[in-house]
Amino acid sequence: MPHKPMSFTEYRAACKQLGLSPSYSAAPALGISQVTAARYSSGTAIVPMPVALLLRTMIELKKQETRK
């Protein structure tokens, strides 16, 4: 898993892959407020590394589940 920054477009794509709305349903899944999620989604706030790592980990786990 790469440890690199996540752009807002990557954030939106990651949420979509997980079946989450980037501004709303992602918030509780990531433990953040809806305002913060909306800021990540719009690019007005930088996606912090822990959030990027969590999203990438969630995607990887989802991939592993579908391989079973």
PDB file of N, CA and C in Angstrom:
ATOM      1  N   MET A   1       0.839  -1.172   0.000  1.00  0.00           N
ATOM      2  CA  MET A   1       0.000   0.000   0.000  1.00  0.00           C
ATOM      3  C   MET A   1       0.892   1.245   0.000  1.00  0.00           C
ATOM      4  N   PRO A   2       0.676   2.136  -0.918  1.00  0.00           N
ATOM      5  CA  PRO A   2       1.544   3.313  -0.975  1.00  0.00           C
ATOM      6  C   PRO A   2       1.237   4.289   0.162  1.00  0.00           C
ATOM      7  N   HIS A   3       2.289   4.865   0.702  1.00  0.00           N
ATOM      8  CA  HIS A   3       2.146   5.890   1.739  1.00  0.00           C
ATOM      9  C   HIS A   3       2.391   7.233   1.092  1.00  0.00           C
ATOM     10  N   LYS A   4       1.403   7.700   0.365  1.00  0.00           N
ATOM     11  CA  LYS A   4       1.538   8.964  -0.340  1.00  0.00           C
ATOM     12  C   LYS A   4       0.293   9.795  -0.094  1.00  0.00           C
ATOM     13  N   PRO A   5       0.403  11.094  -0.305  1.00  0.00           N
ATOM     14  CA  PRO A   5      -0.774  11.952  -0.106  1.00  0.00           C
ATOM     15  C   PRO A   5      -1.920  11.534  -1.018  1.00  0.00           C
ATOM     16  N   MET A   6      -3.122  11.924  -0.634  1.00  0.00           N
ATOM     17  CA  MET A   6      -4.315  11.606  -1.410  1.00  0.00           C
ATOM     18  C   MET A   6      -4.955  12.916  -1.851  1.00  0.00           C
ATOM     19  N   SER A   7      -5.131  13.065  -3.140  1.00  0.00           N
ATOM     20  CA  SER A   7      -5.801  14.257  -3.660  1.00  0.00           C
ATOM     21  C   SER A   7      -7.302  14.145  -3.404  1.00  0.00           C
ATOM     22  N   PHE A   8      -8.005  15.248  -3.591  1.00  0.00           N
ATOM     23  CA  PHE A   8      -9.446  15.187  -3.384  1.00  0.00           C
ATOM     24  C   PHE A   8     -10.121  14.304  -4.421  1.00  0.00           C
ATOM     25  N   THR A   9      -9.556  14.222  -5.632  1.00  0.00           N
ATOM     26  CA  THR A   9     -10.156  13.331  -6.635  1.00  0.00           C
ATOM     27  C   THR A   9      -9.927  11.868  -6.252  1.00  0.00           C
ATOM     28  N   GLU A  10      -8.772  11.568  -5.683  1.00  0.00           N
ATOM     29  CA  GLU A  10      -8.511  10.204  -5.203  1.00  0.00           C
ATOM     30  C   GLU A  10      -9.414   9.880  -4.012  1.00  0.00           C
ATOM     31  N   TYR A  11      -9.643  10.868  -3.145  1.00  0.00           N
ATOM     32  CA  TYR A  11     -10.544  10.687  -2.004  1.00  0.00           C
ATOM     33  C   TYR A  11     -11.947  10.331  -2.499  1.00  0.00           C
ATOM     34  N   ARG A  12     -12.421  11.092  -3.463  1.00  0.00           N
ATOM     35  CA  ARG A  12     -13.761  10.837  -4.008  1.00  0.00           C
ATOM     36  C   ARG A  12     -13.840   9.444  -4.657  1.00  0.00           C
ATOM     37  N   ALA A  13     -12.802   9.082  -5.396  1.00  0.00           N
ATOM     38  CA  ALA A  13     -12.780   7.768  -6.055  1.00  0.00           C
ATOM     39  C   ALA A  13     -12.726   6.642  -5.023  1.00  0.00           C
ATOM     40  N   ALA A  14     -11.955   6.832  -3.967  1.00  0.00           N
ATOM     41  CA  ALA A  14     -11.861   5.811  -2.917  1.00  0.00           C
ATOM     42  C   ALA A  14     -13.207   5.618  -2.235  1.00  0.00           C
ATOM     43  N   CYS A  15     -13.871   6.716  -1.934  1.00  0.00           N
ATOM     44  CA  CYS A  15     -15.198   6.618  -1.316  1.00  0.00           C
ATOM     45  C   CYS A  15     -16.166   5.883  -2.241  1.00  0.00           C
ATOM     46  N   LYS A  16     -16.121   6.207  -3.511  1.00  0.00           N
ATOM     47  CA  LYS A  16     -17.006   5.558  -4.488  1.00  0.00           C
ATOM     48  C   LYS A  16     -16.736   4.052  -4.527  1.00  0.00           C
ATOM     49  N   GLN A  17     -15.453   3.669  -4.517  1.00  0.00           N
ATOM     50  CA  GLN A  17     -15.097   2.245  -4.525  1.00  0.00           C
ATOM     51  C   GLN A  17     -15.669   1.514  -3.324  1.00  0.00           C
ATOM     52  N   LEU A  18     -15.778   2.228  -2.216  1.00  0.00           N
ATOM     53  CA  LEU A  18     -16.284   1.625  -0.985  1.00  0.00           C
ATOM     54  C   LEU A  18     -17.799   1.758  -0.852  1.00  0.00           C
ATOM     55  N   GLY A  19     -18.423   2.385  -1.834  1.00  0.00           N
ATOM     56  CA  GLY A  19     -19.874   2.568  -1.792  1.00  0.00           C
ATOM     57  C   GLY A  19     -20.298   3.646  -0.814  1.00  0.00           C
ATOM     58  N   LEU A  20     -19.411   4.615  -0.568  1.00  0.00           N
ATOM     59  CA  LEU A  20     -19.695   5.691   0.377  1.00  0.00           C
ATOM     60  C   LEU A  20     -19.855   7.010  -0.357  1.00  0.00           C
ATOM     61  N   SER A  21     -20.741   7.840   0.131  1.00  0.00           N
ATOM     62  CA  SER A  21     -20.850   9.200  -0.371  1.00  0.00           C
ATOM     63  C   SER A  21     -19.669   9.982   0.186  1.00  0.00           C
ATOM     64  N   PRO A  22     -18.876  10.638  -0.652  1.00  0.00           N
ATOM     65  CA  PRO A  22     -17.690  11.349  -0.157  1.00  0.00           C
ATOM     66  C   PRO A  22     -17.986  12.403   0.905  1.00  0.00           C
ATOM     67  N   SER A  23     -19.181  12.983   0.867  1.00  0.00           N
ATOM     68  CA  SER A  23     -19.496  14.045   1.812  1.00  0.00           C
ATOM     69  C   SER A  23     -20.328  13.596   3.012  1.00  0.00           C
ATOM     70  N   TYR A  24     -21.050  12.480   2.888  1.00  0.00           N
ATOM     71  CA  TYR A  24     -21.975  12.126   3.964  1.00  0.00           C
ATOM     72  C   TYR A  24     -21.694  10.774   4.601  1.00  0.00           C
ATOM     73  N   SER A  25     -21.885   9.680   3.881  1.00  0.00           N
ATOM     74  CA  SER A  25     -21.728   8.377   4.518  1.00  0.00           C
ATOM     75  C   SER A  25     -20.275   8.048   4.840  1.00  0.00           C
ATOM     76  N   ALA A  26     -19.337   8.737   4.204  1.00  0.00           N
ATOM     77  CA  ALA A  26     -17.925   8.508   4.523  1.00  0.00           C
ATOM     78  C   ALA A  26     -17.581   9.035   5.915  1.00  0.00           C
ATOM     79  N   ALA A  27     -18.262  10.084   6.341  1.00  0.00           N
ATOM     80  CA  ALA A  27     -17.936  10.725   7.617  1.00  0.00           C
ATOM     81  C   ALA A  27     -17.969   9.755   8.796  1.00  0.00           C
ATOM     82  N   PRO A  28     -19.067   9.061   9.047  1.00  0.00           N
ATOM     83  CA  PRO A  28     -19.058   8.139  10.192  1.00  0.00           C
ATOM     84  C   PRO A  28     -18.102   6.959  10.003  1.00  0.00           C
ATOM     85  N   ALA A  29     -17.937   6.520   8.780  1.00  0.00           N
ATOM     86  CA  ALA A  29     -17.020   5.398   8.523  1.00  0.00           C
ATOM     87  C   ALA A  29     -15.580   5.777   8.819  1.00  0.00           C
ATOM     88  N   LEU A  30     -15.259   7.052   8.638  1.00  0.00           N
ATOM     89  CA  LEU A  30     -13.889   7.530   8.862  1.00  0.00           C
ATOM     90  C   LEU A  30     -13.711   8.203  10.218  1.00  0.00           C
ATOM     91  N   GLY A  31     -14.803   8.367  10.963  1.00  0.00           N
ATOM     92  CA  GLY A  31     -14.723   9.008  12.267  1.00  0.00           C
ATOM     93  C   GLY A  31     -14.481  10.506  12.175  1.00  0.00           C
ATOM     94  N   ILE A  32     -15.042  11.130  11.145  1.00  0.00           N
ATOM     95  CA  ILE A  32     -14.882  12.572  10.943  1.00  0.00           C
ATOM     96  C   ILE A  32     -16.258  13.208  10.792  1.00  0.00           C
ATOM     97  N   SER A  33     -16.309  14.521  10.882  1.00  0.00           N
ATOM     98  CA  SER A  33     -17.589  15.214  10.705  1.00  0.00           C
ATOM     99  C   SER A  33     -17.951  15.286   9.222  1.00  0.00           C
ATOM    100  N   GLN A  34     -19.234  15.516   8.968  1.00  0.00           N
ATOM    101  CA  GLN A  34     -19.671  15.664   7.587  1.00  0.00           C
ATOM    102  C   GLN A  34     -19.061  16.909   6.949  1.00  0.00           C
ATOM    103  N   VAL A  35     -18.827  17.939   7.738  1.00  0.00           N
ATOM    104  CA  VAL A  35     -18.197  19.158   7.225  1.00  0.00           C
ATOM    105  C   VAL A  35     -16.781  18.844   6.755  1.00  0.00           C
ATOM    106  N   THR A  36     -16.040  18.095   7.564  1.00  0.00           N
ATOM    107  CA  THR A  36     -14.670  17.722   7.192  1.00  0.00           C
ATOM    108  C   THR A  36     -14.670  16.855   5.939  1.00  0.00           C
ATOM    109  N   ALA A  37     -15.568  15.877   5.890  1.00  0.00           N
ATOM    110  CA  ALA A  37     -15.664  15.010   4.716  1.00  0.00           C
ATOM    111  C   ALA A  37     -15.971  15.832   3.465  1.00  0.00           C
ATOM    112  N   ALA A  38     -16.862  16.797   3.595  1.00  0.00           N
ATOM    113  CA  ALA A  38     -17.207  17.657   2.455  1.00  0.00           C
ATOM    114  C   ALA A  38     -16.003  18.492   2.026  1.00  0.00           C
ATOM    115  N   ARG A  39     -15.210  18.929   2.983  1.00  0.00           N
ATOM    116  CA  ARG A  39     -14.009  19.709   2.651  1.00  0.00           C
ATOM    117  C   ARG A  39     -12.979  18.849   1.919  1.00  0.00           C
ATOM    118  N   TYR A  40     -12.806  17.604   2.351  1.00  0.00           N
ATOM    119  CA  TYR A  40     -11.897  16.703   1.635  1.00  0.00           C
ATOM    120  C   TYR A  40     -12.406  16.487   0.218  1.00  0.00           C
ATOM    121  N   SER A  41     -13.711  16.289   0.101  1.00  0.00           N
ATOM    122  CA  SER A  41     -14.327  15.986  -1.190  1.00  0.00           C
ATOM    123  C   SER A  41     -14.217  17.150  -2.172  1.00  0.00           C
ATOM    124  N   SER A  42     -14.289  18.360  -1.660  1.00  0.00           N
ATOM    125  CA  SER A  42     -14.235  19.530  -2.537  1.00  0.00           C
ATOM    126  C   SER A  42     -12.819  20.036  -2.770  1.00  0.00           C
ATOM    127  N   GLY A  43     -11.879  19.526  -1.981  1.00  0.00           N
ATOM    128  CA  GLY A  43     -10.502  19.970  -2.131  1.00  0.00           C
ATOM    129  C   GLY A  43     -10.166  21.207  -1.321  1.00  0.00           C
ATOM    130  N   THR A  44     -11.082  21.651  -0.471  1.00  0.00           N
ATOM    131  CA  THR A  44     -10.797  22.826   0.353  1.00  0.00           C
ATOM    132  C   THR A  44      -9.985  22.471   1.598  1.00  0.00           C
ATOM    133  N   ALA A  45      -9.865  21.185   1.885  1.00  0.00           N
ATOM    134  CA  ALA A  45      -8.999  20.716   2.973  1.00  0.00           C
ATOM    135  C   ALA A  45      -8.169  19.548   2.437  1.00  0.00           C
ATOM    136  N   ILE A  46      -6.955  19.464   2.917  1.00  0.00           N
ATOM    137  CA  ILE A  46      -6.058  18.376   2.516  1.00  0.00           C
ATOM    138  C   ILE A  46      -6.453  17.101   3.254  1.00  0.00           C
ATOM    139  N   VAL A  47      -6.493  15.991   2.537  1.00  0.00           N
ATOM    140  CA  VAL A  47      -6.786  14.691   3.150  1.00  0.00           C
ATOM    141  C   VAL A  47      -5.543  14.276   3.945  1.00  0.00           C
ATOM    142  N   PRO A  48      -5.667  14.161   5.277  1.00  0.00           N
ATOM    143  CA  PRO A  48      -4.498  13.794   6.069  1.00  0.00           C
ATOM    144  C   PRO A  48      -4.057  12.349   5.798  1.00  0.00           C
ATOM    145  N   MET A  49      -2.784  12.098   6.027  1.00  0.00           N
ATOM    146  CA  MET A  49      -2.220  10.775   5.765  1.00  0.00           C
ATOM    147  C   MET A  49      -2.984   9.657   6.490  1.00  0.00           C
ATOM    148  N   PRO A  50      -3.365   9.812   7.774  1.00  0.00           N
ATOM    149  CA  PRO A  50      -4.109   8.723   8.421  1.00  0.00           C
ATOM    150  C   PRO A  50      -5.427   8.392   7.719  1.00  0.00           C
ATOM    151  N   VAL A  51      -6.116   9.402   7.224  1.00  0.00           N
ATOM    152  CA  VAL A  51      -7.375   9.166   6.508  1.00  0.00           C
ATOM    153  C   VAL A  51      -7.091   8.465   5.180  1.00  0.00           C
ATOM    154  N   ALA A  52      -6.068   8.916   4.486  1.00  0.00           N
ATOM    155  CA  ALA A  52      -5.687   8.277   3.220  1.00  0.00           C
ATOM    156  C   ALA A  52      -5.324   6.817   3.444  1.00  0.00           C
ATOM    157  N   LEU A  53      -4.544   6.549   4.487  1.00  0.00           N
ATOM    158  CA  LEU A  53      -4.156   5.163   4.785  1.00  0.00           C
ATOM    159  C   LEU A  53      -5.366   4.313   5.152  1.00  0.00           C
ATOM    160  N   LEU A  54      -6.286   4.879   5.931  1.00  0.00           N
ATOM    161  CA  LEU A  54      -7.490   4.142   6.305  1.00  0.00           C
ATOM    162  C   LEU A  54      -8.313   3.794   5.075  1.00  0.00           C
ATOM    163  N   LEU A  55      -8.512   4.760   4.195  1.00  0.00           N
ATOM    164  CA  LEU A  55      -9.290   4.487   2.980  1.00  0.00           C
ATOM    165  C   LEU A  55      -8.613   3.421   2.122  1.00  0.00           C
ATOM    166  N   ARG A  56      -7.307   3.538   1.948  1.00  0.00           N
ATOM    167  CA  ARG A  56      -6.588   2.541   1.138  1.00  0.00           C
ATOM    168  C   ARG A  56      -6.646   1.156   1.771  1.00  0.00           C
ATOM    169  N   THR A  57      -6.583   1.100   3.083  1.00  0.00           N
ATOM    170  CA  THR A  57      -6.690  -0.182   3.789  1.00  0.00           C
ATOM    171  C   THR A  57      -8.084  -0.766   3.628  1.00  0.00           C
ATOM    172  N   MET A  58      -9.102   0.080   3.752  1.00  0.00           N
ATOM    173  CA  MET A  58     -10.482  -0.383   3.590  1.00  0.00           C
ATOM    174  C   MET A  58     -10.696  -0.947   2.179  1.00  0.00           C
ATOM    175  N   ILE A  59     -10.138  -0.284   1.173  1.00  0.00           N
ATOM    176  CA  ILE A  59     -10.257  -0.764  -0.209  1.00  0.00           C
ATOM    177  C   ILE A  59      -9.561  -2.105  -0.362  1.00  0.00           C
ATOM    178  N   GLU A  60      -8.375  -2.226   0.201  1.00  0.00           N
ATOM    179  CA  GLU A  60      -7.620  -3.485   0.111  1.00  0.00           C
ATOM    180  C   GLU A  60      -8.384  -4.624   0.784  1.00  0.00           C
ATOM    181  N   LEU A  61      -8.969  -4.359   1.942  1.00  0.00           N
ATOM    182  CA  LEU A  61      -9.757  -5.381   2.641  1.00  0.00           C
ATOM    183  C   LEU A  61     -10.994  -5.774   1.833  1.00  0.00           C
ATOM    184  N   LYS A  62     -11.610  -4.792   1.212  1.00  0.00           N
ATOM    185  CA  LYS A  62     -12.778  -5.092   0.375  1.00  0.00           C
ATOM    186  C   LYS A  62     -12.379  -5.979  -0.797  1.00  0.00           C
ATOM    187  N   LYS A  63     -11.229  -5.699  -1.404  1.00  0.00           N
ATOM    188  CA  LYS A  63     -10.736  -6.535  -2.507  1.00  0.00           C
ATOM    189  C   LYS A  63     -10.489  -7.961  -2.045  1.00  0.00           C
ATOM    190  N   GLN A  64      -9.899  -8.113  -0.866  1.00  0.00           N
ATOM    191  CA  GLN A  64      -9.611  -9.442  -0.324  1.00  0.00           C
ATOM    192  C   GLN A  64     -10.895 -10.210  -0.048  1.00  0.00           C
ATOM    193  N   GLU A  65     -11.927  -9.503   0.444  1.00  0.00           N
ATOM    194  CA  GLU A  65     -13.204 -10.146   0.710  1.00  0.00           C
ATOM    195  C   GLU A  65     -13.855 -10.665  -0.576  1.00  0.00           C
ATOM    196  N   THR A  66     -13.735  -9.909  -1.643  1.00  0.00           N
ATOM    197  CA  THR A  66     -14.372 -10.325  -2.888  1.00  0.00           C
ATOM    198  C   THR A  66     -13.627 -11.475  -3.562  1.00  0.00           C
ATOM    199  N   ARG A  67     -12.362 -11.660  -3.198  1.00  0.00           N
ATOM    200  CA  ARG A  67     -11.585 -12.784  -3.765  1.00  0.00           C
ATOM    201  C   ARG A  67     -11.962 -14.119  -3.129  1.00  0.00           C
ATOM    202  N   LYS A  68     -12.581 -14.075  -1.975  1.00  0.00           N
ATOM    203  CA  LYS A  68     -12.917 -15.319  -1.260  1.00  0.00           C
ATOM    204  C   LYS A  68     -14.046 -16.062  -1.924  1.00  0.00           C
TER     205      LYS A  68
END
